[in-house]
Amino acid sequence: MHNWAANRLHQPAFLALEPLLPPLVLAKLMCWFTIVTELGVETYSLPLRSLYPVPTKLSILLHFGMLLSTGTTFTLFFYAMTAAMPAFVDWPIVLAAPGQRDSSFHNVLVAILLVLFSPLFTPIGEALYRVLARNRHRLAADSHCVR
């Protein structure tokens, strides 16, 4: 964490606070804060369903804070964690899975999401991107794909 925050990112807040503490203490505190927050933010409210909005918002805030302070999304981690947060929200009954086969509906949904976010899907996603990039003139006028 120290090398990453100080040498790679040149994070001003880290560089200002780090000399005030013993060596590596700030880096260790930041690492442990992230780990405890990641593990604890959702699990503290598991027994009490009414508390779900609070940890969901805290988790999204943590990930946006990490994005703003580091300038990176940690590959797909930022997107995957943010996309997973609706799983903890109580949805209206209209959006619930139909009938007695609720568990099979959720299993299929989870399987689809795991496939889409797995590294095995990367070649398929890249192939789809290449097709879209080649045919971008058909999609919208004056559109550009970054290489």
N, C-alpha and C. Protein backbone atom coordinates (compact mmCIF):
# COMPACT_ATOMS: atom_id res chain seq x y z
N MET A 1 0.83 -1.19 0.00
CA MET A 1 0.00 0.00 0.00
C MET A 1 0.87 1.25 0.00
N HIS A 2 1.94 1.25 0.79
CA HIS A 2 2.81 2.42 0.87
C HIS A 2 3.42 2.74 -0.49
N ASN A 3 4.00 1.75 -1.13
CA ASN A 3 4.63 1.97 -2.43
C ASN A 3 3.60 2.45 -3.45
N TRP A 4 2.43 1.86 -3.41
CA TRP A 4 1.39 2.20 -4.37
C TRP A 4 0.89 3.62 -4.17
N ALA A 5 0.58 4.00 -2.91
CA ALA A 5 0.03 5.33 -2.63
C ALA A 5 1.08 6.43 -2.75
N ALA A 6 2.30 6.15 -2.31
CA ALA A 6 3.33 7.19 -2.30
C ALA A 6 4.07 7.28 -3.62
N ASN A 7 4.53 6.16 -4.15
CA ASN A 7 5.38 6.20 -5.34
C ASN A 7 4.62 6.17 -6.66
N ARG A 8 3.56 5.39 -6.72
CA ARG A 8 2.83 5.27 -7.99
C ARG A 8 1.80 6.39 -8.17
N LEU A 9 0.97 6.61 -7.14
CA LEU A 9 -0.11 7.59 -7.26
C LEU A 9 0.29 9.00 -6.83
N HIS A 10 1.33 9.11 -6.00
CA HIS A 10 1.73 10.39 -5.42
C HIS A 10 0.52 11.07 -4.77
N GLN A 11 -0.22 10.29 -3.98
CA GLN A 11 -1.45 10.75 -3.34
C GLN A 11 -1.11 11.83 -2.30
N PRO A 12 -1.58 13.08 -2.51
CA PRO A 12 -1.21 14.17 -1.61
C PRO A 12 -1.63 13.95 -0.16
N ALA A 13 -2.82 13.44 0.08
CA ALA A 13 -3.27 13.22 1.46
C ALA A 13 -2.39 12.18 2.15
N PHE A 14 -2.06 11.11 1.46
CA PHE A 14 -1.19 10.08 2.02
C PHE A 14 0.20 10.65 2.30
N LEU A 15 0.74 11.39 1.35
CA LEU A 15 2.08 11.96 1.51
C LEU A 15 2.12 12.98 2.65
N ALA A 16 1.02 13.67 2.92
CA ALA A 16 0.99 14.65 4.01
C ALA A 16 0.88 13.98 5.38
N LEU A 17 0.09 12.90 5.46
CA LEU A 17 -0.14 12.23 6.75
C LEU A 17 0.93 11.22 7.11
N GLU A 18 1.55 10.62 6.12
CA GLU A 18 2.48 9.51 6.37
C GLU A 18 3.68 9.88 7.24
N PRO A 19 4.30 11.05 7.09
CA PRO A 19 5.46 11.39 7.95
C PRO A 19 5.08 11.61 9.41
N LEU A 20 3.80 11.83 9.69
CA LEU A 20 3.37 12.08 11.07
C LEU A 20 3.26 10.81 11.91
N LEU A 21 3.29 9.65 11.26
CA LEU A 21 3.12 8.37 11.94
C LEU A 21 4.36 7.51 11.78
N PRO A 22 4.51 6.47 12.62
CA PRO A 22 5.62 5.54 12.44
C PRO A 22 5.56 4.88 11.05
N PRO A 23 6.68 4.33 10.59
CA PRO A 23 6.73 3.75 9.25
C PRO A 23 5.64 2.69 9.02
N LEU A 24 4.98 2.77 7.89
CA LEU A 24 3.97 1.84 7.39
C LEU A 24 2.67 1.80 8.20
N VAL A 25 2.54 2.59 9.25
CA VAL A 25 1.32 2.54 10.05
C VAL A 25 0.13 3.03 9.24
N LEU A 26 0.26 4.14 8.53
CA LEU A 26 -0.85 4.66 7.74
C LEU A 26 -1.26 3.68 6.65
N ALA A 27 -0.29 3.08 5.99
CA ALA A 27 -0.59 2.11 4.93
C ALA A 27 -1.34 0.91 5.50
N LYS A 28 -0.89 0.41 6.65
CA LYS A 28 -1.56 -0.73 7.28
C LYS A 28 -2.97 -0.35 7.74
N LEU A 29 -3.12 0.84 8.30
CA LEU A 29 -4.45 1.30 8.72
C LEU A 29 -5.41 1.38 7.52
N MET A 30 -4.93 1.91 6.42
CA MET A 30 -5.77 2.03 5.23
C MET A 30 -6.16 0.65 4.69
N CYS A 31 -5.21 -0.27 4.68
CA CYS A 31 -5.51 -1.64 4.21
C CYS A 31 -6.55 -2.30 5.11
N TRP A 32 -6.32 -2.24 6.42
CA TRP A 32 -7.25 -2.89 7.34
C TRP A 32 -8.61 -2.22 7.34
N PHE A 33 -8.65 -0.90 7.19
CA PHE A 33 -9.93 -0.20 7.11
C PHE A 33 -10.72 -0.70 5.91
N THR A 34 -10.05 -0.85 4.77
CA THR A 34 -10.73 -1.33 3.56
C THR A 34 -11.24 -2.75 3.76
N ILE A 35 -10.41 -3.63 4.32
CA ILE A 35 -10.81 -5.02 4.52
C ILE A 35 -11.99 -5.12 5.48
N VAL A 36 -11.90 -4.43 6.60
CA VAL A 36 -12.98 -4.48 7.60
C VAL A 36 -14.27 -3.88 7.03
N THR A 37 -14.14 -2.80 6.29
CA THR A 37 -15.32 -2.17 5.70
C THR A 37 -15.96 -3.10 4.67
N GLU A 38 -15.14 -3.69 3.80
CA GLU A 38 -15.66 -4.59 2.77
C GLU A 38 -16.40 -5.77 3.40
N LEU A 39 -15.81 -6.36 4.42
CA LEU A 39 -16.43 -7.53 5.05
C LEU A 39 -17.59 -7.17 5.96
N GLY A 40 -17.48 -6.03 6.63
CA GLY A 40 -18.46 -5.72 7.65
C GLY A 40 -19.64 -4.88 7.22
N VAL A 41 -19.51 -4.16 6.12
CA VAL A 41 -20.54 -3.21 5.77
C VAL A 41 -21.88 -3.88 5.43
N GLU A 42 -21.85 -5.04 4.84
CA GLU A 42 -23.09 -5.75 4.54
C GLU A 42 -23.47 -6.74 5.64
N THR A 43 -22.48 -7.37 6.26
CA THR A 43 -22.80 -8.42 7.22
C THR A 43 -23.36 -7.90 8.53
N TYR A 44 -23.06 -6.64 8.88
CA TYR A 44 -23.58 -6.17 10.17
C TYR A 44 -25.09 -6.05 10.15
N SER A 45 -25.68 -5.93 8.97
CA SER A 45 -27.13 -5.76 8.91
C SER A 45 -27.86 -7.01 8.44
N LEU A 46 -27.16 -8.12 8.27
CA LEU A 46 -27.83 -9.34 7.81
C LEU A 46 -29.00 -9.74 8.69
N PRO A 47 -28.89 -9.70 10.02
CA PRO A 47 -30.05 -10.10 10.83
C PRO A 47 -31.21 -9.11 10.77
N LEU A 48 -30.92 -7.85 10.50
CA LEU A 48 -31.96 -6.82 10.49
C LEU A 48 -32.18 -6.31 9.08
N ARG A 49 -33.21 -6.80 8.44
CA ARG A 49 -33.49 -6.46 7.05
C ARG A 49 -33.73 -4.96 6.85
N SER A 50 -34.22 -4.28 7.86
CA SER A 50 -34.53 -2.87 7.72
C SER A 50 -33.28 -1.99 7.60
N LEU A 51 -32.10 -2.52 7.97
CA LEU A 51 -30.88 -1.74 7.89
C LEU A 51 -30.17 -1.84 6.54
N TYR A 52 -30.70 -2.61 5.61
CA TYR A 52 -30.01 -2.81 4.33
C TYR A 52 -29.67 -1.54 3.56
N PRO A 53 -30.51 -0.53 3.53
CA PRO A 53 -30.12 0.66 2.75
C PRO A 53 -28.85 1.33 3.26
N VAL A 54 -28.61 1.29 4.55
CA VAL A 54 -27.43 1.96 5.11
C VAL A 54 -26.13 1.31 4.63
N PRO A 55 -25.91 0.00 4.82
CA PRO A 55 -24.65 -0.58 4.37
C PRO A 55 -24.49 -0.56 2.86
N THR A 56 -25.59 -0.63 2.14
CA THR A 56 -25.50 -0.57 0.69
C THR A 56 -24.96 0.79 0.26
N LYS A 57 -25.47 1.83 0.85
CA LYS A 57 -24.98 3.18 0.53
C LYS A 57 -23.53 3.36 1.00
N LEU A 58 -23.19 2.82 2.16
CA LEU A 58 -21.81 2.92 2.65
C LEU A 58 -20.84 2.19 1.74
N SER A 59 -21.24 1.04 1.24
CA SER A 59 -20.38 0.28 0.34
C SER A 59 -20.16 1.03 -0.97
N ILE A 60 -21.22 1.58 -1.52
CA ILE A 60 -21.08 2.36 -2.75
C ILE A 60 -20.20 3.59 -2.50
N LEU A 61 -20.39 4.24 -1.36
CA LEU A 61 -19.56 5.40 -1.00
C LEU A 61 -18.08 5.01 -0.88
N LEU A 62 -17.80 3.86 -0.26
CA LEU A 62 -16.43 3.37 -0.13
C LEU A 62 -15.80 3.18 -1.49
N HIS A 63 -16.52 2.54 -2.40
CA HIS A 63 -15.95 2.25 -3.71
C HIS A 63 -15.77 3.52 -4.55
N PHE A 64 -16.70 4.47 -4.43
CA PHE A 64 -16.52 5.74 -5.13
C PHE A 64 -15.35 6.51 -4.53
N GLY A 65 -15.18 6.44 -3.21
CA GLY A 65 -14.04 7.08 -2.57
C GLY A 65 -12.73 6.48 -3.04
N MET A 66 -12.69 5.16 -3.15
CA MET A 66 -11.48 4.50 -3.65
C MET A 66 -11.21 4.90 -5.10
N LEU A 67 -12.26 5.00 -5.90
CA LEU A 67 -12.11 5.41 -7.29
C LEU A 67 -11.56 6.83 -7.38
N LEU A 68 -12.11 7.74 -6.59
CA LEU A 68 -11.66 9.13 -6.64
C LEU A 68 -10.25 9.30 -6.10
N SER A 69 -9.89 8.56 -5.05
CA SER A 69 -8.57 8.74 -4.45
C SER A 69 -7.47 8.03 -5.23
N THR A 70 -7.80 6.96 -5.94
CA THR A 70 -6.77 6.22 -6.67
C THR A 70 -6.79 6.50 -8.16
N GLY A 71 -7.93 6.91 -8.68
CA GLY A 71 -8.03 7.16 -10.11
C GLY A 71 -8.13 5.90 -10.94
N THR A 72 -8.40 4.77 -10.29
CA THR A 72 -8.52 3.50 -11.02
C THR A 72 -9.74 2.74 -10.53
N THR A 73 -10.29 1.91 -11.41
CA THR A 73 -11.46 1.11 -11.05
C THR A 73 -11.05 -0.29 -10.57
N PHE A 74 -9.75 -0.56 -10.45
CA PHE A 74 -9.26 -1.89 -10.07
C PHE A 74 -9.84 -2.93 -11.03
N THR A 75 -9.64 -2.69 -12.30
CA THR A 75 -10.16 -3.51 -13.40
C THR A 75 -11.68 -3.49 -13.32
N LEU A 76 -12.34 -4.61 -13.08
CA LEU A 76 -13.80 -4.63 -13.02
C LEU A 76 -14.33 -4.63 -11.59
N PHE A 77 -13.46 -4.60 -10.60
CA PHE A 77 -13.91 -4.71 -9.21
C PHE A 77 -14.89 -3.61 -8.84
N PHE A 78 -14.60 -2.38 -9.20
CA PHE A 78 -15.48 -1.25 -8.89
C PHE A 78 -16.86 -1.47 -9.50
N TYR A 79 -16.89 -1.87 -10.75
CA TYR A 79 -18.17 -2.06 -11.43
C TYR A 79 -18.93 -3.27 -10.86
N ALA A 80 -18.21 -4.34 -10.58
CA ALA A 80 -18.87 -5.55 -10.06
C ALA A 80 -19.46 -5.31 -8.68
N MET A 81 -18.72 -4.64 -7.81
CA MET A 81 -19.24 -4.37 -6.46
C MET A 81 -20.42 -3.41 -6.50
N THR A 82 -20.33 -2.39 -7.32
CA THR A 82 -21.44 -1.45 -7.43
C THR A 82 -22.67 -2.12 -8.04
N ALA A 83 -22.44 -2.98 -9.02
CA ALA A 83 -23.56 -3.69 -9.65
C ALA A 83 -24.18 -4.73 -8.71
N ALA A 84 -23.40 -5.23 -7.74
CA ALA A 84 -23.91 -6.24 -6.82
C ALA A 84 -24.78 -5.64 -5.71
N MET A 85 -24.68 -4.36 -5.49
CA MET A 85 -25.41 -3.73 -4.38
C MET A 85 -26.93 -3.87 -4.48
N PRO A 86 -27.56 -3.85 -5.65
CA PRO A 86 -29.01 -4.04 -5.70
C PRO A 86 -29.47 -5.40 -5.15
N ALA A 87 -28.58 -6.34 -5.00
CA ALA A 87 -28.95 -7.64 -4.43
C ALA A 87 -29.37 -7.49 -2.97
N PHE A 88 -28.95 -6.42 -2.32
CA PHE A 88 -29.25 -6.22 -0.90
C PHE A 88 -30.45 -5.31 -0.67
N VAL A 89 -31.10 -4.89 -1.74
CA VAL A 89 -32.24 -3.98 -1.63
C VAL A 89 -33.54 -4.78 -1.66
N ASP A 90 -34.51 -4.38 -0.85
CA ASP A 90 -35.84 -5.00 -0.91
C ASP A 90 -36.58 -4.45 -2.12
N TRP A 91 -36.82 -5.31 -3.10
CA TRP A 91 -37.49 -4.89 -4.31
C TRP A 91 -39.00 -5.07 -4.16
N PRO A 92 -39.79 -4.27 -4.86
CA PRO A 92 -41.24 -4.45 -4.82
C PRO A 92 -41.62 -5.85 -5.33
N ILE A 93 -42.75 -6.36 -4.89
CA ILE A 93 -43.17 -7.71 -5.25
C ILE A 93 -43.36 -7.87 -6.75
N VAL A 94 -43.61 -6.78 -7.45
CA VAL A 94 -43.78 -6.83 -8.91
C VAL A 94 -42.49 -7.30 -9.58
N LEU A 95 -41.34 -6.93 -9.00
CA LEU A 95 -40.06 -7.29 -9.59
C LEU A 95 -39.53 -8.64 -9.10
N ALA A 96 -40.23 -9.28 -8.20
CA ALA A 96 -39.77 -10.56 -7.64
C ALA A 96 -39.92 -11.65 -8.69
N ALA A 97 -39.18 -12.72 -8.50
CA ALA A 97 -39.25 -13.85 -9.42
C ALA A 97 -40.63 -14.49 -9.35
N PRO A 98 -41.18 -14.88 -10.47
CA PRO A 98 -42.54 -15.42 -10.48
C PRO A 98 -42.64 -16.85 -9.93
N GLY A 99 -43.72 -17.12 -9.26
CA GLY A 99 -44.10 -18.48 -8.88
C GLY A 99 -43.24 -19.17 -7.85
N GLN A 100 -43.37 -20.51 -7.82
CA GLN A 100 -42.69 -21.32 -6.83
C GLN A 100 -41.24 -21.60 -7.21
N ARG A 101 -40.85 -21.24 -8.40
CA ARG A 101 -39.50 -21.55 -8.86
C ARG A 101 -38.54 -20.39 -8.61
N ASP A 102 -38.75 -19.66 -7.53
CA ASP A 102 -37.92 -18.51 -7.22
C ASP A 102 -36.44 -18.87 -7.18
N SER A 103 -36.12 -19.96 -6.52
CA SER A 103 -34.71 -20.31 -6.36
C SER A 103 -34.06 -20.64 -7.70
N SER A 104 -34.76 -21.31 -8.59
CA SER A 104 -34.16 -21.61 -9.88
C SER A 104 -33.98 -20.34 -10.70
N PHE A 105 -34.92 -19.40 -10.60
CA PHE A 105 -34.79 -18.11 -11.28
C PHE A 105 -33.54 -17.39 -10.81
N HIS A 106 -33.34 -17.33 -9.49
CA HIS A 106 -32.17 -16.65 -8.93
C HIS A 106 -30.90 -17.39 -9.30
N ASN A 107 -30.91 -18.72 -9.32
CA ASN A 107 -29.73 -19.48 -9.70
C ASN A 107 -29.31 -19.18 -11.13
N VAL A 108 -30.29 -19.11 -12.03
CA VAL A 108 -29.99 -18.80 -13.43
C VAL A 108 -29.44 -17.37 -13.54
N LEU A 109 -30.04 -16.44 -12.82
CA LEU A 109 -29.57 -15.06 -12.85
C LEU A 109 -28.13 -14.94 -12.34
N VAL A 110 -27.82 -15.61 -11.25
CA VAL A 110 -26.46 -15.59 -10.71
C VAL A 110 -25.49 -16.24 -11.69
N ALA A 111 -25.88 -17.35 -12.30
CA ALA A 111 -25.02 -18.02 -13.28
C ALA A 111 -24.72 -17.11 -14.46
N ILE A 112 -25.72 -16.40 -14.95
CA ILE A 112 -25.51 -15.49 -16.08
C ILE A 112 -24.54 -14.37 -15.68
N LEU A 113 -24.73 -13.80 -14.50
CA LEU A 113 -23.84 -12.72 -14.05
C LEU A 113 -22.41 -13.23 -13.85
N LEU A 114 -22.25 -14.43 -13.30
CA LEU A 114 -20.91 -14.99 -13.12
C LEU A 114 -20.22 -15.21 -14.46
N VAL A 115 -20.94 -15.69 -15.44
CA VAL A 115 -20.36 -15.91 -16.76
C VAL A 115 -19.95 -14.57 -17.38
N LEU A 116 -20.83 -13.58 -17.29
CA LEU A 116 -20.53 -12.28 -17.91
C LEU A 116 -19.33 -11.60 -17.28
N PHE A 117 -19.12 -11.77 -15.96
CA PHE A 117 -18.01 -11.12 -15.28
C PHE A 117 -16.77 -12.01 -15.16
N SER A 118 -16.82 -13.23 -15.68
CA SER A 118 -15.67 -14.12 -15.55
C SER A 118 -14.65 -13.83 -16.64
N PRO A 119 -13.38 -14.16 -16.39
CA PRO A 119 -12.34 -13.96 -17.40
C PRO A 119 -12.59 -14.81 -18.65
N LEU A 120 -13.34 -15.89 -18.51
CA LEU A 120 -13.62 -16.73 -19.67
C LEU A 120 -14.47 -16.00 -20.72
N PHE A 121 -15.21 -14.98 -20.30
CA PHE A 121 -16.07 -14.22 -21.21
C PHE A 121 -15.29 -13.13 -21.94
N THR A 122 -14.06 -12.84 -21.52
CA THR A 122 -13.28 -11.76 -22.11
C THR A 122 -13.12 -11.88 -23.62
N PRO A 123 -12.73 -13.05 -24.17
CA PRO A 123 -12.60 -13.13 -25.62
C PRO A 123 -13.91 -12.84 -26.36
N ILE A 124 -15.03 -13.27 -25.80
CA ILE A 124 -16.32 -13.01 -26.42
C ILE A 124 -16.62 -11.52 -26.38
N GLY A 125 -16.37 -10.89 -25.25
CA GLY A 125 -16.58 -9.45 -25.12
C GLY A 125 -15.69 -8.66 -26.07
N GLU A 126 -14.43 -9.08 -26.20
CA GLU A 126 -13.53 -8.39 -27.12
C GLU A 126 -13.97 -8.57 -28.57
N ALA A 127 -14.47 -9.76 -28.91
CA ALA A 127 -14.97 -9.99 -30.27
C ALA A 127 -16.18 -9.11 -30.55
N LEU A 128 -17.09 -9.00 -29.58
CA LEU A 128 -18.25 -8.12 -29.74
C LEU A 128 -17.82 -6.66 -29.89
N TYR A 129 -16.81 -6.27 -29.13
CA TYR A 129 -16.32 -4.90 -29.24
C TYR A 129 -15.74 -4.65 -30.63
N ARG A 130 -14.95 -5.61 -31.16
CA ARG A 130 -14.38 -5.44 -32.49
C ARG A 130 -15.47 -5.30 -33.55
N VAL A 131 -16.54 -6.09 -33.43
CA VAL A 131 -17.66 -5.99 -34.37
C VAL A 131 -18.30 -4.61 -34.28
N LEU A 132 -18.52 -4.13 -33.06
CA LEU A 132 -19.11 -2.80 -32.88
C LEU A 132 -18.18 -1.71 -33.41
N ALA A 133 -16.88 -1.85 -33.16
CA ALA A 133 -15.93 -0.84 -33.62
C ALA A 133 -15.87 -0.79 -35.14
N ARG A 134 -15.92 -1.96 -35.79
CA ARG A 134 -15.90 -2.00 -37.27
C ARG A 134 -17.16 -1.39 -37.86
N ASN A 135 -18.28 -1.54 -37.16
CA ASN A 135 -19.57 -1.09 -37.69
C ASN A 135 -20.09 0.16 -36.99
N ARG A 136 -19.21 0.91 -36.37
CA ARG A 136 -19.65 2.07 -35.60
C ARG A 136 -20.32 3.13 -36.48
N HIS A 137 -19.93 3.21 -37.75
CA HIS A 137 -20.56 4.19 -38.63
C HIS A 137 -22.03 3.89 -38.86
N ARG A 138 -22.42 2.64 -38.68
CA ARG A 138 -23.83 2.27 -38.82
C ARG A 138 -24.63 2.58 -37.57
N LEU A 139 -23.96 2.65 -36.42
CA LEU A 139 -24.64 2.88 -35.15
C LEU A 139 -25.04 4.33 -34.95
N ALA A 140 -24.10 5.24 -35.18
CA ALA A 140 -24.39 6.66 -35.00
C ALA A 140 -23.45 7.48 -35.88
N ALA A 141 -23.92 8.59 -36.33
CA ALA A 141 -23.08 9.45 -37.16
C ALA A 141 -21.94 10.04 -36.32
N ASP A 142 -20.77 10.08 -36.89
CA ASP A 142 -19.59 10.67 -36.25
C ASP A 142 -19.22 9.98 -34.93
N SER A 143 -19.47 8.68 -34.79
CA SER A 143 -19.08 8.00 -33.56
C SER A 143 -17.66 7.47 -33.69
N HIS A 144 -16.94 7.41 -32.58
CA HIS A 144 -15.55 6.97 -32.58
C HIS A 144 -15.34 5.96 -31.44
N CYS A 145 -14.53 4.95 -31.70
CA CYS A 145 -14.15 3.98 -30.68
C CYS A 145 -12.68 4.19 -30.36
N VAL A 146 -12.33 4.23 -29.11
CA VAL A 146 -10.97 4.45 -28.67
C VAL A 146 -10.20 3.14 -28.75
N ARG A 147 -9.02 3.17 -29.25
CA ARG A 147 -8.19 1.96 -29.32
C ARG A 147 -7.15 2.00 -28.26
